[in-house]
PDB file of all heavy atoms in Angstrom:
ATOM      1  N   GLN A   1       0.845  -1.197   0.000  1.00  0.00           N
ATOM      2  CA  GLN A   1       0.000   0.000   0.000  1.00  0.00           C
ATOM      3  C   GLN A   1       0.879   1.246   0.000  1.00  0.00           C
ATOM      4  O   GLN A   1       0.638   2.190  -0.756  1.00  0.00           O
ATOM      5  CB  GLN A   1      -0.932   0.016   1.213  1.00  0.00           C
ATOM      6  CG  GLN A   1      -1.856   1.214   1.246  1.00  0.00           C
ATOM      7  CD  GLN A   1      -2.880   1.205   0.133  1.00  0.00           C
ATOM      8  OE1 GLN A   1      -3.420   0.167  -0.218  1.00  0.00           O
ATOM      9  NE2 GLN A   1      -3.150   2.363  -0.434  1.00  0.00           N
ATOM     10  N   ALA A   2       1.906   1.241   0.841  1.00  0.00           N
ATOM     11  CA  ALA A   2       2.823   2.386   0.892  1.00  0.00           C
ATOM     12  C   ALA A   2       3.522   2.571  -0.451  1.00  0.00           C
ATOM     13  O   ALA A   2       3.666   3.694  -0.943  1.00  0.00           O
ATOM     14  CB  ALA A   2       3.844   2.198   2.015  1.00  0.00           C
ATOM     15  N   SER A   3       3.938   1.475  -1.053  1.00  0.00           N
ATOM     16  CA  SER A   3       4.594   1.538  -2.356  1.00  0.00           C
ATOM     17  C   SER A   3       3.636   2.080  -3.424  1.00  0.00           C
ATOM     18  O   SER A   3       4.012   2.918  -4.236  1.00  0.00           O
ATOM     19  CB  SER A   3       5.089   0.145  -2.744  1.00  0.00           C
ATOM     20  OG  SER A   3       5.641   0.169  -4.032  1.00  0.00           O
ATOM     21  N   ALA A   4       2.395   1.629  -3.391  1.00  0.00           N
ATOM     22  CA  ALA A   4       1.395   2.096  -4.362  1.00  0.00           C
ATOM     23  C   ALA A   4       1.132   3.586  -4.189  1.00  0.00           C
ATOM     24  O   ALA A   4       0.995   4.320  -5.171  1.00  0.00           O
ATOM     25  CB  ALA A   4       0.103   1.304  -4.212  1.00  0.00           C
ATOM     26  N   GLU A   5       1.094   4.050  -2.950  1.00  0.00           N
ATOM     27  CA  GLU A   5       0.846   5.468  -2.698  1.00  0.00           C
ATOM     28  C   GLU A   5       2.039   6.320  -3.115  1.00  0.00           C
ATOM     29  O   GLU A   5       1.866   7.435  -3.600  1.00  0.00           O
ATOM     30  CB  GLU A   5       0.485   5.707  -1.232  1.00  0.00           C
ATOM     31  CG  GLU A   5      -0.901   5.197  -0.899  1.00  0.00           C
ATOM     32  CD  GLU A   5      -1.260   5.344   0.561  1.00  0.00           C
ATOM     33  OE1 GLU A   5      -0.469   5.940   1.331  1.00  0.00           O
ATOM     34  OE2 GLU A   5      -2.335   4.865   0.937  1.00  0.00           O
ATOM     35  N   ARG A   6       3.253   5.797  -2.947  1.00  0.00           N
ATOM     36  CA  ARG A   6       4.431   6.529  -3.421  1.00  0.00           C
ATOM     37  C   ARG A   6       4.411   6.633  -4.939  1.00  0.00           C
ATOM     38  O   ARG A   6       4.788   7.646  -5.508  1.00  0.00           O
ATOM     39  CB  ARG A   6       5.717   5.853  -2.955  1.00  0.00           C
ATOM     40  CG  ARG A   6       6.158   6.227  -1.562  1.00  0.00           C
ATOM     41  CD  ARG A   6       7.571   5.744  -1.272  1.00  0.00           C
ATOM     42  NE  ARG A   6       7.770   4.324  -1.511  1.00  0.00           N
ATOM     43  CZ  ARG A   6       7.533   3.357  -0.630  1.00  0.00           C
ATOM     44  NH1 ARG A   6       7.095   3.672   0.577  1.00  0.00           N
ATOM     45  NH2 ARG A   6       7.737   2.097  -0.928  1.00  0.00           N
ATOM     46  N   ASP A   7       3.983   5.555  -5.597  1.00  0.00           N
ATOM     47  CA  ASP A   7       3.941   5.535  -7.056  1.00  0.00           C
ATOM     48  C   ASP A   7       2.803   6.378  -7.622  1.00  0.00           C
ATOM     49  O   ASP A   7       2.886   6.875  -8.730  1.00  0.00           O
ATOM     50  CB  ASP A   7       3.801   4.102  -7.573  1.00  0.00           C
ATOM     51  CG  ASP A   7       5.027   3.258  -7.276  1.00  0.00           C
ATOM     52  OD1 ASP A   7       6.093   3.841  -6.976  1.00  0.00           O
ATOM     53  OD2 ASP A   7       4.918   2.021  -7.347  1.00  0.00           O
ATOM     54  N   ASP A   8       1.744   6.530  -6.866  1.00  0.00           N
ATOM     55  CA  ASP A   8       0.571   7.285  -7.323  1.00  0.00           C
ATOM     56  C   ASP A   8       0.622   8.683  -6.728  1.00  0.00           C
ATOM     57  O   ASP A   8       0.247   8.904  -5.599  1.00  0.00           O
ATOM     58  CB  ASP A   8      -0.719   6.572  -6.898  1.00  0.00           C
ATOM     59  CG  ASP A   8      -1.963   7.273  -7.405  1.00  0.00           C
ATOM     60  OD1 ASP A   8      -1.830   8.286  -8.132  1.00  0.00           O
ATOM     61  OD2 ASP A   8      -3.054   6.821  -7.082  1.00  0.00           O
ATOM     62  N   ARG A   9       1.055   9.631  -7.522  1.00  0.00           N
ATOM     63  CA  ARG A   9       1.229  10.999  -7.025  1.00  0.00           C
ATOM     64  C   ARG A   9      -0.102  11.674  -6.731  1.00  0.00           C
ATOM     65  O   ARG A   9      -0.130  12.734  -6.146  1.00  0.00           O
ATOM     66  CB  ARG A   9       2.029  11.808  -8.021  1.00  0.00           C
ATOM     67  CG  ARG A   9       3.446  11.283  -8.151  1.00  0.00           C
ATOM     68  CD  ARG A   9       4.143  11.982  -9.277  1.00  0.00           C
ATOM     69  NE  ARG A   9       4.322  13.380  -9.010  1.00  0.00           N
ATOM     70  CZ  ARG A   9       5.462  13.931  -8.661  1.00  0.00           C
ATOM     71  NH1 ARG A   9       6.521  13.178  -8.511  1.00  0.00           N
ATOM     72  NH2 ARG A   9       5.553  15.224  -8.469  1.00  0.00           N
ATOM     73  N   SER A  10      -1.228  11.060  -7.112  1.00  0.00           N
ATOM     74  CA  SER A  10      -2.518  11.681  -6.820  1.00  0.00           C
ATOM     75  C   SER A  10      -2.964  11.387  -5.395  1.00  0.00           C
ATOM     76  O   SER A  10      -3.903  11.990  -4.906  1.00  0.00           O
ATOM     77  CB  SER A  10      -3.576  11.192  -7.806  1.00  0.00           C
ATOM     78  OG  SER A  10      -3.851   9.826  -7.607  1.00  0.00           O
ATOM     79  N   VAL A  11      -2.300  10.452  -4.715  1.00  0.00           N
ATOM     80  CA  VAL A  11      -2.623  10.152  -3.324  1.00  0.00           C
ATOM     81  C   VAL A  11      -1.679  10.957  -2.456  1.00  0.00           C
ATOM     82  O   VAL A  11      -0.490  10.668  -2.384  1.00  0.00           O
ATOM     83  CB  VAL A  11      -2.467   8.637  -3.025  1.00  0.00           C
ATOM     84  CG1 VAL A  11      -2.756   8.352  -1.569  1.00  0.00           C
ATOM     85  CG2 VAL A  11      -3.365   7.827  -3.923  1.00  0.00           C
ATOM     86  N   LEU A  12      -2.202  11.987  -1.837  1.00  0.00           N
ATOM     87  CA  LEU A  12      -1.362  12.866  -1.039  1.00  0.00           C
ATOM     88  C   LEU A  12      -1.607  12.647   0.438  1.00  0.00           C
ATOM     89  O   LEU A  12      -2.741  12.562   0.886  1.00  0.00           O
ATOM     90  CB  LEU A  12      -1.654  14.322  -1.392  1.00  0.00           C
ATOM     91  CG  LEU A  12      -1.349  14.736  -2.828  1.00  0.00           C
ATOM     92  CD1 LEU A  12      -1.715  16.198  -3.024  1.00  0.00           C
ATOM     93  CD2 LEU A  12       0.109  14.516  -3.169  1.00  0.00           C
ATOM     94  N   ASP A  13      -0.542  12.577   1.179  1.00  0.00           N
ATOM     95  CA  ASP A  13      -0.607  12.492   2.629  1.00  0.00           C
ATOM     96  C   ASP A  13      -0.463  13.911   3.159  1.00  0.00           C
ATOM     97  O   ASP A  13       0.513  14.593   2.850  1.00  0.00           O
ATOM     98  CB  ASP A  13       0.537  11.610   3.130  1.00  0.00           C
ATOM     99  CG  ASP A  13       0.546  11.442   4.632  1.00  0.00           C
ATOM    100  OD1 ASP A  13      -0.189  12.181   5.331  1.00  0.00           O
ATOM    101  OD2 ASP A  13       1.297  10.587   5.115  1.00  0.00           O
ATOM    102  N   PRO A  14      -1.438  14.383   3.946  1.00  0.00           N
ATOM    103  CA  PRO A  14      -1.345  15.758   4.432  1.00  0.00           C
ATOM    104  C   PRO A  14      -0.110  16.029   5.275  1.00  0.00           C
ATOM    105  O   PRO A  14       0.284  17.171   5.445  1.00  0.00           O
ATOM    106  CB  PRO A  14      -2.614  15.949   5.256  1.00  0.00           C
ATOM    107  CG  PRO A  14      -3.262  14.631   5.360  1.00  0.00           C
ATOM    108  CD  PRO A  14      -2.614  13.699   4.404  1.00  0.00           C
ATOM    109  N   ALA A  15       0.539  14.989   5.760  1.00  0.00           N
ATOM    110  CA  ALA A  15       1.729  15.181   6.579  1.00  0.00           C
ATOM    111  C   ALA A  15       2.979  15.391   5.720  1.00  0.00           C
ATOM    112  O   ALA A  15       4.020  15.785   6.224  1.00  0.00           O
ATOM    113  CB  ALA A  15       1.936  13.976   7.495  1.00  0.00           C
ATOM    114  N   VAL A  16       2.876  15.126   4.412  1.00  0.00           N
ATOM    115  CA  VAL A  16       4.025  15.265   3.522  1.00  0.00           C
ATOM    116  C   VAL A  16       3.980  16.638   2.870  1.00  0.00           C
ATOM    117  O   VAL A  16       2.964  17.008   2.286  1.00  0.00           O
ATOM    118  CB  VAL A  16       4.014  14.161   2.440  1.00  0.00           C
ATOM    119  CG1 VAL A  16       5.164  14.353   1.463  1.00  0.00           C
ATOM    120  CG2 VAL A  16       4.078  12.787   3.083  1.00  0.00           C
ATOM    121  N   PRO A  17       5.046  17.410   2.950  1.00  0.00           N
ATOM    122  CA  PRO A  17       5.053  18.731   2.317  1.00  0.00           C
ATOM    123  C   PRO A  17       4.820  18.615   0.813  1.00  0.00           C
ATOM    124  O   PRO A  17       5.388  17.742   0.149  1.00  0.00           O
ATOM    125  CB  PRO A  17       6.449  19.268   2.607  1.00  0.00           C
ATOM    126  CG  PRO A  17       6.986  18.436   3.699  1.00  0.00           C
ATOM    127  CD  PRO A  17       6.286  17.113   3.623  1.00  0.00           C
ATOM    128  N   LEU A  18       3.966  19.489   0.272  1.00  0.00           N
ATOM    129  CA  LEU A  18       3.659  19.452  -1.157  1.00  0.00           C
ATOM    130  C   LEU A  18       4.886  19.678  -2.012  1.00  0.00           C
ATOM    131  O   LEU A  18       4.944  19.220  -3.145  1.00  0.00           O
ATOM    132  CB  LEU A  18       2.581  20.482  -1.496  1.00  0.00           C
ATOM    133  CG  LEU A  18       1.186  20.158  -0.981  1.00  0.00           C
ATOM    134  CD1 LEU A  18       0.237  21.294  -1.315  1.00  0.00           C
ATOM    135  CD2 LEU A  18       0.676  18.860  -1.553  1.00  0.00           C
ATOM    136  N   SER A  19       5.885  20.351  -1.489  1.00  0.00           N
ATOM    137  CA  SER A  19       7.086  20.614  -2.270  1.00  0.00           C
ATOM    138  C   SER A  19       7.779  19.323  -2.697  1.00  0.00           C
ATOM    139  O   SER A  19       8.487  19.300  -3.692  1.00  0.00           O
ATOM    140  CB  SER A  19       8.055  21.492  -1.485  1.00  0.00           C
ATOM    141  OG  SER A  19       8.449  20.829  -0.297  1.00  0.00           O
ATOM    142  N   LEU A  20       7.557  18.235  -1.966  1.00  0.00           N
ATOM    143  CA  LEU A  20       8.167  16.962  -2.349  1.00  0.00           C
ATOM    144  C   LEU A  20       7.560  16.419  -3.636  1.00  0.00           C
ATOM    145  O   LEU A  20       8.156  15.602  -4.314  1.00  0.00           O
ATOM    146  CB  LEU A  20       7.981  15.923  -1.234  1.00  0.00           C
ATOM    147  CG  LEU A  20       8.728  16.209   0.065  1.00  0.00           C
ATOM    148  CD1 LEU A  20       8.407  15.137   1.096  1.00  0.00           C
ATOM    149  CD2 LEU A  20      10.223  16.280  -0.172  1.00  0.00           C
ATOM    150  N   PHE A  21       6.343  16.872  -3.980  1.00  0.00           N
ATOM    151  CA  PHE A  21       5.677  16.387  -5.174  1.00  0.00           C
ATOM    152  C   PHE A  21       5.875  17.315  -6.361  1.00  0.00           C
ATOM    153  O   PHE A  21       5.403  17.044  -7.443  1.00  0.00           O
ATOM    154  CB  PHE A  21       4.164  16.235  -4.916  1.00  0.00           C
ATOM    155  CG  PHE A  21       3.858  15.169  -3.923  1.00  0.00           C
ATOM    156  CD1 PHE A  21       3.612  15.480  -2.602  1.00  0.00           C
ATOM    157  CD2 PHE A  21       3.841  13.844  -4.307  1.00  0.00           C
ATOM    158  CE1 PHE A  21       3.339  14.490  -1.678  1.00  0.00           C
ATOM    159  CE2 PHE A  21       3.577  12.844  -3.394  1.00  0.00           C
ATOM    160  CZ  PHE A  21       3.322  13.168  -2.077  1.00  0.00           C
ATOM    161  N   ASP A  22       6.560  18.418  -6.187  1.00  0.00           N
ATOM    162  CA  ASP A  22       6.717  19.421  -7.228  1.00  0.00           C
ATOM    163  C   ASP A  22       7.936  19.091  -8.069  1.00  0.00           C
ATOM    164  O   ASP A  22       9.055  19.074  -7.577  1.00  0.00           O
ATOM    165  CB  ASP A  22       6.850  20.803  -6.575  1.00  0.00           C
ATOM    166  CG  ASP A  22       6.827  21.915  -7.598  1.00  0.00           C
ATOM    167  OD1 ASP A  22       6.502  21.635  -8.769  1.00  0.00           O
ATOM    168  OD2 ASP A  22       7.123  23.058  -7.220  1.00  0.00           O
ATOM    169  N   ASP A  23       7.714  18.852  -9.363  1.00  0.00           N
ATOM    170  CA  ASP A  23       8.813  18.544 -10.275  1.00  0.00           C
ATOM    171  C   ASP A  23       9.427  19.787 -10.897  1.00  0.00           C
ATOM    172  O   ASP A  23      10.422  19.699 -11.605  1.00  0.00           O
ATOM    173  CB  ASP A  23       8.323  17.644 -11.419  1.00  0.00           C
ATOM    174  CG  ASP A  23       8.073  16.222 -10.963  1.00  0.00           C
ATOM    175  OD1 ASP A  23       8.668  15.819  -9.951  1.00  0.00           O
ATOM    176  OD2 ASP A  23       7.288  15.523 -11.628  1.00  0.00           O
ATOM    177  N   THR A  24       8.824  20.945 -10.698  1.00  0.00           N
ATOM    178  CA  THR A  24       9.324  22.154 -11.329  1.00  0.00           C
ATOM    179  C   THR A  24      10.266  22.884 -10.393  1.00  0.00           C
ATOM    180  O   THR A  24      10.255  22.695  -9.187  1.00  0.00           O
ATOM    181  CB  THR A  24       8.160  23.102 -11.691  1.00  0.00           C
ATOM    182  OG1 THR A  24       7.506  23.478 -10.486  1.00  0.00           O
ATOM    183  CG2 THR A  24       7.192  22.429 -12.637  1.00  0.00           C
ATOM    184  N   THR A  25      11.079  23.717 -10.975  1.00  0.00           N
ATOM    185  CA  THR A  25      11.941  24.580 -10.175  1.00  0.00           C
ATOM    186  C   THR A  25      11.299  25.951 -10.109  1.00  0.00           C
ATOM    187  O   THR A  25      10.344  26.232 -10.836  1.00  0.00           O
ATOM    188  CB  THR A  25      13.333  24.696 -10.832  1.00  0.00           C
ATOM    189  OG1 THR A  25      13.162  25.322 -12.103  1.00  0.00           O
ATOM    190  CG2 THR A  25      13.988  23.341 -10.990  1.00  0.00           C
ATOM    191  N   GLU A  26      11.853  26.826  -9.295  1.00  0.00           N
ATOM    192  CA  GLU A  26      11.291  28.167  -9.202  1.00  0.00           C
ATOM    193  C   GLU A  26      11.370  28.872 -10.537  1.00  0.00           C
ATOM    194  O   GLU A  26      10.451  29.584 -10.936  1.00  0.00           O
ATOM    195  CB  GLU A  26      12.015  28.956  -8.122  1.00  0.00           C
ATOM    196  CG  GLU A  26      11.658  28.502  -6.721  1.00  0.00           C
ATOM    197  CD  GLU A  26      12.322  29.336  -5.658  1.00  0.00           C
ATOM    198  OE1 GLU A  26      12.586  30.537  -5.909  1.00  0.00           O
ATOM    199  OE2 GLU A  26      12.583  28.788  -4.588  1.00  0.00           O
ATOM    200  N   SER A  27      12.457  28.698 -11.291  1.00  0.00           N
ATOM    201  CA  SER A  27      12.579  29.363 -12.587  1.00  0.00           C
ATOM    202  C   SER A  27      11.535  28.828 -13.566  1.00  0.00           C
ATOM    203  O   SER A  27      11.035  29.561 -14.401  1.00  0.00           O
ATOM    204  CB  SER A  27      13.992  29.203 -13.151  1.00  0.00           C
ATOM    205  OG  SER A  27      14.271  27.833 -13.358  1.00  0.00           O
ATOM    206  N   ASP A  28      11.201  27.527 -13.466  1.00  0.00           N
ATOM    207  CA  ASP A  28      10.146  26.971 -14.319  1.00  0.00           C
ATOM    208  C   ASP A  28       8.826  27.651 -14.026  1.00  0.00           C
ATOM    209  O   ASP A  28       8.075  27.978 -14.939  1.00  0.00           O
ATOM    210  CB  ASP A  28       9.974  25.467 -14.086  1.00  0.00           C
ATOM    211  CG  ASP A  28      11.139  24.654 -14.614  1.00  0.00           C
ATOM    212  OD1 ASP A  28      11.870  25.166 -15.481  1.00  0.00           O
ATOM    213  OD2 ASP A  28      11.299  23.506 -14.136  1.00  0.00           O
ATOM    214  N   ASP A  29       8.525  27.863 -12.740  1.00  0.00           N
ATOM    215  CA  ASP A  29       7.273  28.510 -12.358  1.00  0.00           C
ATOM    216  C   ASP A  29       7.193  29.915 -12.925  1.00  0.00           C
ATOM    217  O   ASP A  29       6.155  30.343 -13.402  1.00  0.00           O
ATOM    218  CB  ASP A  29       7.123  28.559 -10.835  1.00  0.00           C
ATOM    219  CG  ASP A  29       6.840  27.189 -10.237  1.00  0.00           C
ATOM    220  OD1 ASP A  29       6.425  26.296 -10.994  1.00  0.00           O
ATOM    221  OD2 ASP A  29       7.034  27.037  -9.016  1.00  0.00           O
ATOM    222  N   GLU A  30       8.310  30.654 -12.855  1.00  0.00           N
ATOM    223  CA  GLU A  30       8.310  32.017 -13.370  1.00  0.00           C
ATOM    224  C   GLU A  30       8.056  32.020 -14.867  1.00  0.00           C
ATOM    225  O   GLU A  30       7.311  32.843 -15.382  1.00  0.00           O
ATOM    226  CB  GLU A  30       9.632  32.698 -13.046  1.00  0.00           C
ATOM    227  CG  GLU A  30       9.805  32.977 -11.560  1.00  0.00           C
ATOM    228  CD  GLU A  30      11.215  33.405 -11.212  1.00  0.00           C
ATOM    229  OE1 GLU A  30      12.035  33.636 -12.126  1.00  0.00           O
ATOM    230  OE2 GLU A  30      11.509  33.488 -10.008  1.00  0.00           O
ATOM    231  N   ASP A  31       8.678  31.082 -15.603  1.00  0.00           N
ATOM    232  CA  ASP A  31       8.475  31.014 -17.049  1.00  0.00           C
ATOM    233  C   ASP A  31       7.032  30.701 -17.395  1.00  0.00           C
ATOM    234  O   ASP A  31       6.499  31.215 -18.369  1.00  0.00           O
ATOM    235  CB  ASP A  31       9.387  29.954 -17.670  1.00  0.00           C
ATOM    236  CG  ASP A  31      10.855  30.335 -17.606  1.00  0.00           C
ATOM    237  OD1 ASP A  31      11.154  31.534 -17.440  1.00  0.00           O
ATOM    238  OD2 ASP A  31      11.688  29.423 -17.737  1.00  0.00           O
ATOM    239  N   ASP A  32       6.381  29.845 -16.603  1.00  0.00           N
ATOM    240  CA  ASP A  32       5.011  29.437 -16.890  1.00  0.00           C
ATOM    241  C   ASP A  32       4.034  30.591 -16.752  1.00  0.00           C
ATOM    242  O   ASP A  32       2.978  30.576 -17.347  1.00  0.00           O
ATOM    243  CB  ASP A  32       4.565  28.305 -15.953  1.00  0.00           C
ATOM    244  CG  ASP A  32       5.265  27.000 -16.282  1.00  0.00           C
ATOM    245  OD1 ASP A  32       5.823  26.894 -17.386  1.00  0.00           O
ATOM    246  OD2 ASP A  32       5.248  26.108 -15.413  1.00  0.00           O
ATOM    247  N   HIS A  33       4.342  31.582 -15.932  1.00  0.00           N
ATOM    248  CA  HIS A  33       3.379  32.630 -15.651  1.00  0.00           C
ATOM    249  C   HIS A  33       3.738  33.964 -16.293  1.00  0.00           C
ATOM    250  O   HIS A  33       3.014  34.924 -16.123  1.00  0.00           O
ATOM    251  CB  HIS A  33       3.251  32.824 -14.130  1.00  0.00           C
ATOM    252  CG  HIS A  33       2.783  31.585 -13.444  1.00  0.00           C
ATOM    253  ND1 HIS A  33       1.546  31.057 -13.645  1.00  0.00           N
ATOM    254  CD2 HIS A  33       3.424  30.743 -12.602  1.00  0.00           C
ATOM    255  CE1 HIS A  33       1.419  29.943 -12.931  1.00  0.00           C
ATOM    256  NE2 HIS A  33       2.539  29.739 -12.295  1.00  0.00           N
ATOM    257  N   GLY A  34       4.817  34.020 -17.019  1.00  0.00           N
ATOM    258  CA  GLY A  34       5.291  35.281 -17.569  1.00  0.00           C
ATOM    259  C   GLY A  34       4.237  36.092 -18.291  1.00  0.00           C
ATOM    260  O   GLY A  34       3.549  36.919 -17.713  1.00  0.00           O
ATOM    261  N   ASP A  35       4.119  35.932 -19.628  1.00  0.00           N
ATOM    262  CA  ASP A  35       3.210  36.741 -20.433  1.00  0.00           C
ATOM    263  C   ASP A  35       1.804  36.184 -20.471  1.00  0.00           C
ATOM    264  O   ASP A  35       0.924  36.780 -21.088  1.00  0.00           O
ATOM    265  CB  ASP A  35       3.747  36.843 -21.870  1.00  0.00           C
ATOM    266  CG  ASP A  35       5.088  37.553 -21.921  1.00  0.00           C
ATOM    267  OD1 ASP A  35       5.304  38.438 -21.073  1.00  0.00           O
ATOM    268  OD2 ASP A  35       5.906  37.220 -22.804  1.00  0.00           O
ATOM    269  N   ASN A  36       1.565  35.036 -19.865  1.00  0.00           N
ATOM    270  CA  ASN A  36       0.264  34.385 -19.970  1.00  0.00           C
ATOM    271  C   ASN A  36      -0.649  34.652 -18.788  1.00  0.00           C
ATOM    272  O   ASN A  36      -1.650  33.990 -18.638  1.00  0.00           O
ATOM    273  CB  ASN A  36       0.452  32.867 -20.113  1.00  0.00           C
ATOM    274  CG  ASN A  36       1.145  32.520 -21.404  1.00  0.00           C
ATOM    275  OD1 ASN A  36       1.040  33.247 -22.380  1.00  0.00           O
ATOM    276  ND2 ASN A  36       1.867  31.411 -21.402  1.00  0.00           N
ATOM    277  N   GLU A  37      -0.312  35.609 -17.937  1.00  0.00           N
ATOM    278  CA  GLU A  37      -1.164  35.881 -16.783  1.00  0.00           C
ATOM    279  C   GLU A  37      -2.445  36.560 -17.238  1.00  0.00           C
ATOM    280  O   GLU A  37      -2.439  37.422 -18.100  1.00  0.00           O
ATOM    281  CB  GLU A  37      -0.443  36.766 -15.773  1.00  0.00           C
ATOM    282  CG  GLU A  37       0.427  35.959 -14.852  1.00  0.00           C
ATOM    283  CD  GLU A  37       0.879  36.768 -13.658  1.00  0.00           C
ATOM    284  OE1 GLU A  37       0.073  37.533 -13.124  1.00  0.00           O
ATOM    285  OE2 GLU A  37       2.049  36.607 -13.298  1.00  0.00           O
ATOM    286  N   PHE A  38      -3.569  36.118 -16.674  1.00  0.00           N
ATOM    287  CA  PHE A  38      -4.856  36.712 -16.957  1.00  0.00           C
ATOM    288  C   PHE A  38      -5.334  37.418 -15.703  1.00  0.00           C
ATOM    289  O   PHE A  38      -5.096  36.965 -14.596  1.00  0.00           O
ATOM    290  CB  PHE A  38      -5.890  35.622 -17.315  1.00  0.00           C
ATOM    291  CG  PHE A  38      -5.583  34.891 -18.587  1.00  0.00           C
ATOM    292  CD1 PHE A  38      -5.071  33.602 -18.548  1.00  0.00           C
ATOM    293  CD2 PHE A  38      -5.809  35.487 -19.815  1.00  0.00           C
ATOM    294  CE1 PHE A  38      -4.799  32.931 -19.714  1.00  0.00           C
ATOM    295  CE2 PHE A  38      -5.539  34.812 -20.982  1.00  0.00           C
ATOM    296  CZ  PHE A  38      -5.025  33.533 -20.938  1.00  0.00           C
TER     297      PHE A  38
END
């Protein structure tokens, strides 16, 4: 069960910081929001 939950990123444990699930870097985030902000 633990292995399945680690493999399934849609199952989040509230005790685990969300940053552990983030594959982007801060620079990636900035690029994503540059000229496309609404």
